[in-house]
C-alpha atoms as a PDB file:
ATOM      1  CA  MET A   1     146.776 201.690 108.749  1.00  0.00           C
ATOM      2  CA  ASP A   2     146.918 204.370 111.211  1.00  0.00           C
ATOM      3  CA  ILE A   3     144.217 203.448 113.762  1.00  0.00           C
ATOM      4  CA  ASN A   4     144.375 207.044 115.433  1.00  0.00           C
ATOM      5  CA  ALA A   5     143.654 208.591 111.858  1.00  0.00           C
ATOM      6  CA  ALA A   6     141.067 206.006 111.524  1.00  0.00           C
ATOM      7  CA  ALA A   7     139.316 206.613 114.693  1.00  0.00           C
ATOM      8  CA  PRO A   8     140.284 210.108 115.962  1.00  0.00           C
ATOM      9  CA  ASP A   9     137.473 210.364 118.396  1.00  0.00           C
ATOM     10  CA  ARG A  10     138.402 207.070 120.133  1.00  0.00           C
ATOM     11  CA  ALA A  11     140.996 206.878 122.928  1.00  0.00           C
ATOM     12  CA  VAL A  12     143.415 204.061 121.894  1.00  0.00           C
ATOM     13  CA  ALA A  13     144.743 203.462 125.466  1.00  0.00           C
ATOM     14  CA  THR A  14     144.724 204.835 128.880  1.00  0.00           C
ATOM     15  CA  SER A  15     147.456 204.637 131.539  1.00  0.00           C
ATOM     16  CA  ILE A  16     147.806 205.310 135.108  1.00  0.00           C
ATOM     17  CA  THR A  17     150.985 205.861 137.134  1.00  0.00           C
ATOM     18  CA  ARG A  18     151.896 204.436 140.393  1.00  0.00           C
ATOM     19  CA  SER A  19     151.685 207.796 142.237  1.00  0.00           C
ATOM     20  CA  GLU A  20     148.436 208.409 140.620  1.00  0.00           C
ATOM     21  CA  HIS A  21     147.125 205.187 141.630  1.00  0.00           C
ATOM     22  CA  CYS A  22     147.051 206.184 145.321  1.00  0.00           C
ATOM     23  CA  VAL A  23     147.903 209.794 145.054  1.00  0.00           C
ATOM     24  CA  ALA A  24     150.584 210.556 147.660  1.00  0.00           C
ATOM     25  CA  GLY A  25     152.534 208.264 149.858  1.00  0.00           C
ATOM     26  CA  TRP A  26     152.640 205.263 147.631  1.00  0.00           C
ATOM     27  CA  SER A  27     155.130 202.688 148.479  1.00  0.00           C
ATOM     28  CA  ALA A  28     155.565 199.666 146.464  1.00  0.00           C
ATOM     29  CA  GLY A  29     155.422 196.018 147.990  1.00  0.00           C
ATOM     30  CA  ARG A  30     158.381 194.464 146.565  1.00  0.00           C
ATOM     31  CA  LEU A  31     159.014 190.681 146.405  1.00  0.00           C
ATOM     32  CA  ALA A  32     162.405 190.950 147.998  1.00  0.00           C
ATOM     33  CA  GLN A  33     160.850 192.724 151.116  1.00  0.00           C
ATOM     34  CA  MET A  34     158.077 189.997 151.554  1.00  0.00           C
ATOM     35  CA  SER A  35     160.363 187.048 150.989  1.00  0.00           C
ATOM     36  CA  GLY A  36     163.006 188.041 153.689  1.00  0.00           C
ATOM     37  CA  ALA A  37     164.007 186.066 156.698  1.00  0.00           C
ATOM     38  CA  THR A  38     160.982 185.840 159.096  1.00  0.00           C
ATOM     39  CA  GLN A  39     161.817 187.188 162.754  1.00  0.00           C
ATOM     40  CA  LEU A  40     160.274 185.469 165.835  1.00  0.00           C
ATOM     41  CA  ILE A  41     157.669 187.688 167.584  1.00  0.00           C
ATOM     42  CA  ASP A  42     159.095 189.442 170.317  1.00  0.00           C
ATOM     43  CA  TRP A  43     156.232 188.883 172.696  1.00  0.00           C
ATOM     44  CA  VAL A  44     155.636 191.156 175.542  1.00  0.00           C
ATOM     45  CA  SER A  45     153.704 189.623 178.394  1.00  0.00           C
ATOM     46  CA  THR A  46     154.091 192.311 181.158  1.00  0.00           C
ATOM     47  CA  ASN A  47     151.706 195.593 180.311  1.00  0.00           C
ATOM     48  CA  PRO A  48     153.946 198.660 179.955  1.00  0.00           C
ATOM     49  CA  ASP A  49     151.083 200.729 181.161  1.00  0.00           C
ATOM     50  CA  GLY A  50     150.388 198.697 184.183  1.00  0.00           C
ATOM     51  CA  LEU A  51     151.418 201.330 186.764  1.00  0.00           C
ATOM     52  CA  ALA A  52     149.736 204.517 185.002  1.00  0.00           C
ATOM     53  CA  THR A  53     147.164 206.077 187.020  1.00  0.00           C
ATOM     54  CA  TYR A  54     143.561 205.668 185.970  1.00  0.00           C
ATOM     55  CA  ASP A  55     143.279 209.563 185.040  1.00  0.00           C
ATOM     56  CA  THR A  56     146.441 209.315 182.825  1.00  0.00           C
ATOM     57  CA  LEU A  57     145.159 206.458 180.871  1.00  0.00           C
ATOM     58  CA  GLN A  58     141.545 208.027 180.404  1.00  0.00           C
ATOM     59  CA  ASP A  59     143.059 211.550 179.440  1.00  0.00           C
ATOM     60  CA  TRP A  60     145.040 209.440 176.825  1.00  0.00           C
ATOM     61  CA  VAL A  61     141.855 207.712 175.634  1.00  0.00           C
ATOM     62  CA  ASN A  62     140.171 211.145 175.319  1.00  0.00           C
ATOM     63  CA  ILE A  63     142.721 212.641 172.937  1.00  0.00           C
ATOM     64  CA  VAL A  64     143.101 209.739 170.571  1.00  0.00           C
ATOM     65  CA  THR A  65     140.955 209.777 167.452  1.00  0.00           C
ATOM     66  CA  ASP A  66     139.891 206.963 165.213  1.00  0.00           C
ATOM     67  CA  TRP A  67     138.561 204.695 167.809  1.00  0.00           C
ATOM     68  CA  GLN A  68     136.852 201.407 166.379  1.00  0.00           C
ATOM     69  CA  HIS A  69     135.217 200.134 169.468  1.00  0.00           C
ATOM     70  CA  HIS A  70     133.875 201.677 172.767  1.00  0.00           C
ATOM     71  CA  HIS A  71     135.272 198.784 174.631  1.00  0.00           C
ATOM     72  CA  GLY A  72     132.645 199.340 177.421  1.00  0.00           C
ATOM     73  CA  LEU A  73     134.029 202.628 178.385  1.00  0.00           C
ATOM     74  CA  VAL A  74     130.988 205.187 178.650  1.00  0.00           C
ATOM     75  CA  SER A  75     133.762 207.890 177.754  1.00  0.00           C
ATOM     76  CA  LEU A  76     134.240 206.237 174.535  1.00  0.00           C
ATOM     77  CA  GLU A  77     130.700 205.439 173.860  1.00  0.00           C
ATOM     78  CA  THR A  78     129.619 209.188 173.856  1.00  0.00           C
ATOM     79  CA  SER A  79     132.915 210.320 172.204  1.00  0.00           C
ATOM     80  CA  PRO A  80     133.106 211.975 168.992  1.00  0.00           C
ATOM     81  CA  ASN A  81     136.363 210.167 168.048  1.00  0.00           C
ATOM     82  CA  LEU A  82     134.402 206.706 168.095  1.00  0.00           C
ATOM     83  CA  ASP A  83     133.546 205.372 164.528  1.00  0.00           C
ATOM     84  CA  THR A  84     130.022 204.156 165.562  1.00  0.00           C
ATOM     85  CA  VAL A  85     129.562 202.255 162.282  1.00  0.00           C
ATOM     86  CA  SER A  86     132.596 200.125 162.934  1.00  0.00           C
ATOM     87  CA  SER A  87     132.017 199.760 166.644  1.00  0.00           C
ATOM     88  CA  GLY A  88     128.370 198.427 165.776  1.00  0.00           C
ATOM     89  CA  ARG A  89     130.090 195.838 163.406  1.00  0.00           C
ATOM     90  CA  ILE A  90     132.796 194.812 165.982  1.00  0.00           C
ATOM     91  CA  GLU A  91     130.031 194.132 168.359  1.00  0.00           C
ATOM     92  CA  GLN A  92     128.401 192.009 165.822  1.00  0.00           C
ATOM     93  CA  LEU A  93     131.410 190.122 164.919  1.00  0.00           C
ATOM     94  CA  VAL A  94     132.342 189.416 168.806  1.00  0.00           C
ATOM     95  CA  ARG A  95     128.575 187.675 169.088  1.00  0.00           C
ATOM     96  CA  SER A  96     129.375 185.686 165.961  1.00  0.00           C
ATOM     97  CA  VAL A  97     132.860 184.711 167.230  1.00  0.00           C
ATOM     98  CA  ARG A  98     131.343 183.472 170.408  1.00  0.00           C
ATOM     99  CA  ARG A  99     128.522 181.658 168.752  1.00  0.00           C
ATOM    100  CA  ALA A 100     131.426 179.833 166.790  1.00  0.00           C
ATOM    101  CA  LEU A 101     133.379 178.745 169.707  1.00  0.00           C
ATOM    102  CA  VAL A 102     130.087 177.437 171.354  1.00  0.00           C
ATOM    103  CA  ARG A 103     129.357 175.425 168.203  1.00  0.00           C
ATOM    104  CA  GLN A 104     132.831 173.783 168.124  1.00  0.00           C
ATOM    105  CA  GLN A 105     132.779 173.273 171.997  1.00  0.00           C
ATOM    106  CA  ALA A 106     135.929 175.210 172.557  1.00  0.00           C
ATOM    107  CA  SER A 107     137.265 174.876 176.039  1.00  0.00           C
ATOM    108  CA  MET A 108     137.982 178.278 177.290  1.00  0.00           C
ATOM    109  CA  ALA A 109     139.782 176.934 180.448  1.00  0.00           C
ATOM    110  CA  ASN A 110     142.246 174.413 178.508  1.00  0.00           C
ATOM    111  CA  ASP A 111     142.466 175.693 174.930  1.00  0.00           C
ATOM    112  CA  SER A 112     144.813 178.045 173.531  1.00  0.00           C
ATOM    113  CA  PHE A 113     143.823 181.182 171.644  1.00  0.00           C
ATOM    114  CA  LEU A 114     145.387 183.540 169.252  1.00  0.00           C
ATOM    115  CA  ASP A 115     143.597 186.906 168.213  1.00  0.00           C
ATOM    116  CA  LEU A 116     145.415 187.359 164.815  1.00  0.00           C
ATOM    117  CA  ALA A 117     145.312 191.042 163.462  1.00  0.00           C
ATOM    118  CA  ALA A 118     143.669 191.913 166.898  1.00  0.00           C
ATOM    119  CA  GLY A 119     142.925 195.503 166.329  1.00  0.00           C
ATOM    120  CA  GLU A 120     142.248 197.225 169.506  1.00  0.00           C
ATOM    121  CA  GLY A 121     141.884 194.061 171.245  1.00  0.00           C
ATOM    122  CA  ALA A 122     138.170 193.658 171.520  1.00  0.00           C
ATOM    123  CA  ILE A 123     137.998 189.965 170.533  1.00  0.00           C
ATOM    124  CA  ALA A 124     140.955 188.980 172.787  1.00  0.00           C
ATOM    125  CA  ASN A 125     139.309 191.011 175.827  1.00  0.00           C
ATOM    126  CA  GLN A 126     136.172 188.951 175.237  1.00  0.00           C
ATOM    127  CA  LEU A 127     137.972 185.812 175.173  1.00  0.00           C
ATOM    128  CA  TYR A 128     139.535 186.598 178.291  1.00  0.00           C
ATOM    129  CA  ASP A 129     136.129 187.741 179.913  1.00  0.00           C
ATOM    130  CA  ASP A 130     134.653 184.368 178.799  1.00  0.00           C
ATOM    131  CA  GLY A 131     137.143 182.272 180.814  1.00  0.00           C
ATOM    132  CA  ALA A 132     140.268 181.909 178.457  1.00  0.00           C
ATOM    133  CA  ARG A 133     143.522 182.446 180.012  1.00  0.00           C
ATOM    134  CA  ASP A 134     146.022 181.330 177.330  1.00  0.00           C
ATOM    135  CA  VAL A 135     145.492 184.127 175.089  1.00  0.00           C
ATOM    136  CA  ASP A 136     148.025 185.549 172.724  1.00  0.00           C
ATOM    137  CA  ALA A 137     147.124 188.754 170.528  1.00  0.00           C
ATOM    138  CA  CYS A 138     149.180 190.156 167.729  1.00  0.00           C
ATOM    139  CA  GLU A 139     149.043 193.088 165.405  1.00  0.00           C
ATOM    140  CA  SER A 140     151.109 194.432 162.447  1.00  0.00           C
ATOM    141  CA  ASN A 141     150.384 198.075 163.514  1.00  0.00           C
ATOM    142  CA  PRO A 142     152.543 199.261 166.674  1.00  0.00           C
ATOM    143  CA  GLN A 143     149.895 201.989 167.451  1.00  0.00           C
ATOM    144  CA  ASN A 144     147.178 199.349 167.752  1.00  0.00           C
ATOM    145  CA  VAL A 145     149.563 197.340 170.106  1.00  0.00           C
ATOM    146  CA  LYS A 146     149.856 200.642 172.118  1.00  0.00           C
ATOM    147  CA  ARG A 147     145.982 200.824 172.312  1.00  0.00           C
ATOM    148  CA  ILE A 148     145.578 197.244 173.249  1.00  0.00           C
ATOM    149  CA  TRP A 149     147.798 197.735 176.426  1.00  0.00           C
ATOM    150  CA  LYS A 150     146.328 200.997 177.477  1.00  0.00           C
ATOM    151  CA  LEU A 151     142.767 199.519 177.254  1.00  0.00           C
ATOM    152  CA  ARG A 152     143.735 196.583 179.339  1.00  0.00           C
ATOM    153  CA  ALA A 153     145.265 198.843 181.900  1.00  0.00           C
ATOM    154  CA  LEU A 154     142.326 200.970 181.745  1.00  0.00           C
ATOM    155  CA  THR A 155     139.783 198.049 182.304  1.00  0.00           C
ATOM    156  CA  GLY A 156     141.580 195.888 184.524  1.00  0.00           C
ATOM    157  CA  ARG A 157     142.323 192.899 182.241  1.00  0.00           C
ATOM    158  CA  PRO A 158     145.626 191.503 183.383  1.00  0.00           C
ATOM    159  CA  PHE A 159     146.322 188.875 180.727  1.00  0.00           C
ATOM    160  CA  GLY A 160     148.058 187.644 177.746  1.00  0.00           C
ATOM    161  CA  ARG A 161     151.062 188.294 175.403  1.00  0.00           C
ATOM    162  CA  VAL A 162     151.007 190.990 172.820  1.00  0.00           C
ATOM    163  CA  GLY A 163     153.232 191.091 169.875  1.00  0.00           C
ATOM    164  CA  LEU A 164     154.044 192.462 166.469  1.00  0.00           C
ATOM    165  CA  VAL A 165     154.056 190.196 163.498  1.00  0.00           C
ATOM    166  CA  ASP A 166     154.506 191.233 159.737  1.00  0.00           C
ATOM    167  CA  THR A 167     151.716 189.334 157.950  1.00  0.00           C
ATOM    168  CA  GLU A 168     153.083 190.658 154.616  1.00  0.00           C
ATOM    169  CA  ASN A 169     156.062 188.224 154.796  1.00  0.00           C
ATOM    170  CA  LEU A 170     155.266 185.419 152.535  1.00  0.00           C
ATOM    171  CA  LEU A 171     156.030 182.785 155.382  1.00  0.00           C
ATOM    172  CA  TRP A 172     154.806 184.820 158.270  1.00  0.00           C
ATOM    173  CA  HIS A 173     153.676 181.629 160.278  1.00  0.00           C
ATOM    174  CA  ARG A 174     157.330 181.096 160.843  1.00  0.00           C
ATOM    175  CA  SER A 175     157.167 184.143 163.331  1.00  0.00           C
ATOM    176  CA  PHE A 176     155.375 182.110 165.819  1.00  0.00           C
ATOM    177  CA  GLU A 177     157.133 179.525 168.125  1.00  0.00           C
ATOM    178  CA  ARG A 178     153.936 177.544 168.617  1.00  0.00           C
ATOM    179  CA  SER A 179     150.483 176.616 167.286  1.00  0.00           C
ATOM    180  CA  TYR A 180     147.128 177.355 168.691  1.00  0.00           C
ATOM    181  CA  ASP A 181     144.001 175.370 169.338  1.00  0.00           C
ATOM    182  CA  VAL A 182     141.805 178.220 168.056  1.00  0.00           C
ATOM    183  CA  VAL A 183     142.856 181.229 165.902  1.00  0.00           C
ATOM    184  CA  VAL A 184     140.674 183.911 165.338  1.00  0.00           C
ATOM    185  CA  ALA A 185     141.286 185.948 162.499  1.00  0.00           C
ATOM    186  CA  ILE A 186     138.852 188.803 161.713  1.00  0.00           C
ATOM    187  CA  GLY A 187     139.938 190.890 159.085  1.00  0.00           C
ATOM    188  CA  PRO A 188     143.416 189.777 157.597  1.00  0.00           C
ATOM    189  CA  ALA A 189     141.999 187.339 155.067  1.00  0.00           C
ATOM    190  CA  VAL A 190     140.263 190.303 153.111  1.00  0.00           C
ATOM    191  CA  HIS A 191     142.938 193.224 153.900  1.00  0.00           C
ATOM    192  CA  GLY A 192     145.880 191.590 152.094  1.00  0.00           C
ATOM    193  CA  GLU A 193     147.188 191.096 148.513  1.00  0.00           C
ATOM    194  CA  ASN A 194     147.030 187.179 148.563  1.00  0.00           C
ATOM    195  CA  PRO A 195     144.032 185.496 150.695  1.00  0.00           C
ATOM    196  CA  ALA A 196     145.268 182.231 149.275  1.00  0.00           C
ATOM    197  CA  LEU A 197     148.779 182.566 150.829  1.00  0.00           C
ATOM    198  CA  PHE A 198     147.215 183.755 154.047  1.00  0.00           C
ATOM    199  CA  CYS A 199     145.103 180.640 154.286  1.00  0.00           C
ATOM    200  CA  ARG A 200     147.995 178.622 154.132  1.00  0.00           C
ATOM    201  CA  ASN A 201     149.902 180.465 156.767  1.00  0.00           C
ATOM    202  CA  LEU A 202     146.856 180.164 159.000  1.00  0.00           C
ATOM    203  CA  PHE A 203     146.617 176.407 158.501  1.00  0.00           C
ATOM    204  CA  GLN A 204     150.288 175.980 159.713  1.00  0.00           C
ATOM    205  CA  ILE A 205     149.654 177.617 163.160  1.00  0.00           C
ATOM    206  CA  THR A 206     146.186 176.152 163.842  1.00  0.00           C
ATOM    207  CA  LYS A 207     145.565 172.917 165.743  1.00  0.00           C
ATOM    208  CA  LYS A 208     141.820 172.649 165.869  1.00  0.00           C
ATOM    209  CA  PHE A 209     140.007 175.423 164.089  1.00  0.00           C
ATOM    210  CA  ALA A 210     140.145 178.957 162.931  1.00  0.00           C
ATOM    211  CA  ILE A 211     137.510 181.522 162.958  1.00  0.00           C
ATOM    212  CA  VAL A 212     137.817 183.962 159.777  1.00  0.00           C
ATOM    213  CA  GLN A 213     135.816 186.603 158.215  1.00  0.00           C
ATOM    214  CA  ALA A 214     135.118 186.979 154.542  1.00  0.00           C
ATOM    215  CA  ASP A 215     134.372 190.093 152.706  1.00  0.00           C
ATOM    216  CA  PRO A 216     131.423 191.713 154.297  1.00  0.00           C
ATOM    217  CA  PHE A 217     130.442 193.859 151.458  1.00  0.00           C
ATOM    218  CA  VAL A 218     130.308 190.981 148.742  1.00  0.00           C
ATOM    219  CA  SER A 219     127.088 189.437 149.445  1.00  0.00           C
ATOM    220  CA  ASP A 220     126.057 185.724 148.636  1.00  0.00           C
ATOM    221  CA  THR A 221     122.511 185.099 147.442  1.00  0.00           C
ATOM    222  CA  THR A 222     122.717 181.129 148.275  1.00  0.00           C
ATOM    223  CA  LEU A 223     125.047 178.888 149.554  1.00  0.00           C
ATOM    224  CA  GLU A 224     124.598 176.429 146.540  1.00  0.00           C
ATOM    225  CA  PRO A 225     126.949 177.672 143.988  1.00  0.00           C
ATOM    226  CA  VAL A 226     130.419 176.361 143.871  1.00  0.00           C
ATOM    227  CA  GLU A 227     131.899 179.628 142.663  1.00  0.00           C
ATOM    228  CA  GLY A 228     133.140 182.217 144.874  1.00  0.00           C
ATOM    229  CA  SER A 229     133.856 185.806 143.831  1.00  0.00           C
ATOM    230  CA  LEU A 230     136.877 188.126 144.550  1.00  0.00           C
ATOM    231  CA  VAL A 231     136.879 191.915 144.309  1.00  0.00           C
ATOM    232  CA  THR A 232     139.909 194.397 144.551  1.00  0.00           C
ATOM    233  CA  ARG A 233     139.798 197.462 146.822  1.00  0.00           C
ATOM    234  CA  ARG A 234     142.478 200.097 147.250  1.00  0.00           C
ATOM    235  CA  ASN A 235     143.443 200.543 150.844  1.00  0.00           C
ATOM    236  CA  SER A 236     146.150 201.511 153.125  1.00  0.00           C
ATOM    237  CA  ALA A 237     147.998 199.718 156.097  1.00  0.00           C
ATOM    238  CA  ARG A 238     150.883 200.140 158.544  1.00  0.00           C
ATOM    239  CA  ASP A 239     153.331 197.528 158.725  1.00  0.00           C
ATOM    240  CA  ASN A 240     155.137 196.407 161.824  1.00  0.00           C
ATOM    241  CA  THR A 241     157.536 199.581 161.605  1.00  0.00           C
ATOM    242  CA  GLY A 242     154.900 201.813 161.522  1.00  0.00           C
ATOM    243  CA  THR A 243     155.168 202.732 157.717  1.00  0.00           C
ATOM    244  CA  LYS A 244     151.976 203.316 155.823  1.00  0.00           C
ATOM    245  CA  ARG A 245     151.667 201.495 152.771  1.00  0.00           C
ATOM    246  CA  PHE A 246     148.926 201.732 150.096  1.00  0.00           C
ATOM    247  CA  LEU A 247     147.877 198.180 148.475  1.00  0.00           C
ATOM    248  CA  THR A 248     145.344 196.686 146.409  1.00  0.00           C
ATOM    249  CA  GLU A 249     143.526 194.171 148.558  1.00  0.00           C
ATOM    250  CA  ILE A 250     142.064 190.966 147.081  1.00  0.00           C
ATOM    251  CA  ARG A 251     138.813 190.271 149.050  1.00  0.00           C
ATOM    252  CA  PRO A 252     137.148 186.972 148.929  1.00  0.00           C
ATOM    253  CA  ASN A 253     133.419 186.457 149.753  1.00  0.00           C
ATOM    254  CA  ALA A 254     132.291 183.607 151.867  1.00  0.00           C
ATOM    255  CA  LYS A 255     132.308 180.945 149.075  1.00  0.00           C
ATOM    256  CA  ALA A 256     135.773 182.151 147.759  1.00  0.00           C
ATOM    257  CA  LEU A 257     137.173 182.002 151.227  1.00  0.00           C
ATOM    258  CA  ALA A 258     135.906 178.556 152.065  1.00  0.00           C
ATOM    259  CA  ASP A 259     137.435 177.318 148.693  1.00  0.00           C
ATOM    260  CA  LEU A 260     140.825 178.735 149.802  1.00  0.00           C
ATOM    261  CA  LEU A 261     140.946 177.361 153.384  1.00  0.00           C
ATOM    262  CA  LEU A 262     139.853 174.132 151.975  1.00  0.00           C
ATOM    263  CA  ASN A 263     142.665 174.266 149.323  1.00  0.00           C
ATOM    264  CA  ALA A 264     145.221 175.331 152.337  1.00  0.00           C
ATOM    265  CA  GLY A 265     144.497 172.020 154.123  1.00  0.00           C
ATOM    266  CA  PHE A 266     141.336 172.785 156.406  1.00  0.00           C
ATOM    267  CA  HIS A 267     139.045 169.579 156.418  1.00  0.00           C
ATOM    268  CA  ARG A 268     135.707 171.240 156.662  1.00  0.00           C
ATOM    269  CA  VAL A 269     134.441 175.098 156.492  1.00  0.00           C
ATOM    270  CA  GLU A 270     131.089 176.042 158.344  1.00  0.00           C
ATOM    271  CA  ARG A 271     129.266 179.282 157.795  1.00  0.00           C
ATOM    272  CA  VAL A 272     127.894 180.867 161.153  1.00  0.00           C
ATOM    273  CA  ARG A 273     125.204 183.107 159.979  1.00  0.00           C
ATOM    274  CA  SER A 274     124.759 186.648 161.596  1.00  0.00           C
ATOM    275  CA  ASP A 275     121.957 187.985 163.978  1.00  0.00           C
ATOM    276  CA  HIS A 276     121.099 190.281 160.782  1.00  0.00           C
ATOM    277  CA  SER A 277     121.411 187.865 157.989  1.00  0.00           C
ATOM    278  CA  GLU A 278     117.923 188.460 156.976  1.00  0.00           C
ATOM    279  CA  GLU A 279     118.806 191.831 156.655  1.00  0.00           C
ATOM    280  CA  ARG A 280     121.634 191.170 154.351  1.00  0.00           C
ATOM    281  CA  GLU A 281     124.028 192.807 156.824  1.00  0.00           C
ATOM    282  CA  LEU A 282     127.032 190.617 156.325  1.00  0.00           C
ATOM    283  CA  SER A 283     129.677 192.190 158.097  1.00  0.00           C
ATOM    284  CA  ASP A 284     129.358 190.081 161.240  1.00  0.00           C
ATOM    285  CA  GLU A 285     129.286 186.774 159.562  1.00  0.00           C
ATOM    286  CA  VAL A 286     132.059 184.191 160.128  1.00  0.00           C
ATOM    287  CA  LEU A 287     133.336 181.135 158.693  1.00  0.00           C
ATOM    288  CA  ILE A 288     134.745 178.169 161.193  1.00  0.00           C
ATOM    289  CA  ALA A 289     137.736 176.351 159.288  1.00  0.00           C
ATOM    290  CA  VAL A 290     138.109 172.856 161.159  1.00  0.00           C
ATOM    291  CA  VAL A 291     141.456 171.382 160.804  1.00  0.00           C
ATOM    292  CA  ASP A 292     140.493 167.683 161.131  1.00  0.00           C
ATOM    293  CA  GLU A 293     138.571 165.493 163.518  1.00  0.00           C
ATOM    294  CA  THR A 294     141.728 164.825 165.507  1.00  0.00           C
ATOM    295  CA  PRO A 295     144.063 167.715 166.387  1.00  0.00           C
ATOM    296  CA  HIS A 296     147.511 167.945 164.525  1.00  0.00           C
ATOM    297  CA  ASP A 297     150.652 169.864 165.116  1.00  0.00           C
ATOM    298  CA  GLY A 298     149.750 172.745 163.341  1.00  0.00           C
ATOM    299  CA  MET A 299     153.333 173.947 162.855  1.00  0.00           C
ATOM    300  CA  LYS A 300     154.227 170.850 160.565  1.00  0.00           C
ATOM    301  CA  PRO A 301     152.951 170.143 157.107  1.00  0.00           C
ATOM    302  CA  THR A 302     149.895 167.752 157.106  1.00  0.00           C
ATOM    303  CA  THR A 303     149.458 164.880 154.694  1.00  0.00           C
ATOM    304  CA  LYS A 304     145.602 164.997 154.864  1.00  0.00           C
ATOM    305  CA  THR A 305     143.707 166.084 151.794  1.00  0.00           C
ATOM    306  CA  ALA A 306     141.968 169.323 151.733  1.00  0.00           C
ATOM    307  CA  ARG A 307     138.519 167.826 150.453  1.00  0.00           C
ATOM    308  CA  ALA A 308     138.141 164.777 152.629  1.00  0.00           C
ATOM    309  CA  SER A 309     134.686 163.266 152.915  1.00  0.00           C
ATOM    310  CA  GLY A 310     132.301 165.741 154.516  1.00  0.00           C
ATOM    311  CA  GLY A 311     134.557 168.887 153.499  1.00  0.00           C
ATOM    312  CA  GLY A 312     132.834 171.918 152.145  1.00  0.00           C
ATOM    313  CA  LEU A 313     130.955 175.059 152.926  1.00  0.00           C
ATOM    314  CA  ALA A 314     128.144 174.125 155.136  1.00  0.00           C
ATOM    315  CA  SER A 315     125.753 176.385 156.842  1.00  0.00           C
ATOM    316  CA  SER A 316     124.808 176.507 160.311  1.00  0.00           C
ATOM    317  CA  ALA A 317     121.238 177.651 159.561  1.00  0.00           C
ATOM    318  CA  SER A 318     120.208 173.871 159.439  1.00  0.00           C
ATOM    319  CA  ASN A 319     121.560 173.443 163.007  1.00  0.00           C
ATOM    320  CA  PRO A 320     119.789 174.947 166.046  1.00  0.00           C
ATOM    321  CA  GLU A 321     121.971 177.886 167.368  1.00  0.00           C
ATOM    322  CA  PRO A 322     123.511 177.572 170.730  1.00  0.00           C
ATOM    323  CA  SER A 323     122.063 179.487 173.518  1.00  0.00           C
ATOM    324  CA  PHE A 324     124.195 182.157 175.249  1.00  0.00           C
ATOM    325  CA  GLN A 325     123.766 185.745 176.402  1.00  0.00           C
ATOM    326  CA  PRO A 326     126.238 187.914 174.494  1.00  0.00           C
ATOM    327  CA  SER A 327     128.081 190.448 176.697  1.00  0.00           C
ATOM    328  CA  ARG A 328     128.702 194.167 175.912  1.00  0.00           C
ATOM    329  CA  SER A 329     132.453 194.262 175.948  1.00  0.00           C
END
């Protein structure tokens, strides 16, 4: 039977080509590229812009577009190049990260910190302002690394190492020569193609706990159901060579990400509610993923089960919020 003849007004199939999928600039992510040998991060600890004058740095800031945060600079707060929506979200996320650090009683003076996928460096800068001195920041986009250094020079923050990391490598955790007491990962869990693999890599470099962000646009009506949800979203990113690649992100909401973190080996996951939860503004909510009651060597496999007693997605809403005054940076 000829189904086209039987139903001439009905489309039998539809198709889309790779070039149509993202129009121009598509570059496929081949498995061979993602499974290649990992390279240790070439950390830089001396600010390459440390000797630049204030006026030179300020002129550079004024001509650069697409700023995601104002970083406490008046010139950026009023700049048409500032994405004010993104800046507001980052300020909310900084508050949530600080709240999570207080809840876990992080020692700013003694713990080691990694800002993974640091963007322009707002969270790493806040860690420094709050007293942390062992702070590394890494990015996959070399343009963001440039912004981090120039902003630190401009705002007088002489701290930390900055490096490029290829988080699309299947075993990107091997790029780190150390593990960290606290890893802050705002964004990368929802801006990649494999959030489950990301969580497993994250576990390998985390000693005490990680602070991660779920998809801010997939809301949860309650914390009770076990099932989470995943959505796909077309996006683009620059790798550690600066090459722009279009990809289909797989983005987990809070419940789904909690499951993936537990499956990766974390002992407990706690949800930190935002200042605006009642208004359903979820972009500033974060999850705390605790490794165990006692720190382990995060660079080595652990034999502990992911769902030990007490594991699961807990809400911090049932506990009193710690008191602190968020800063503006």
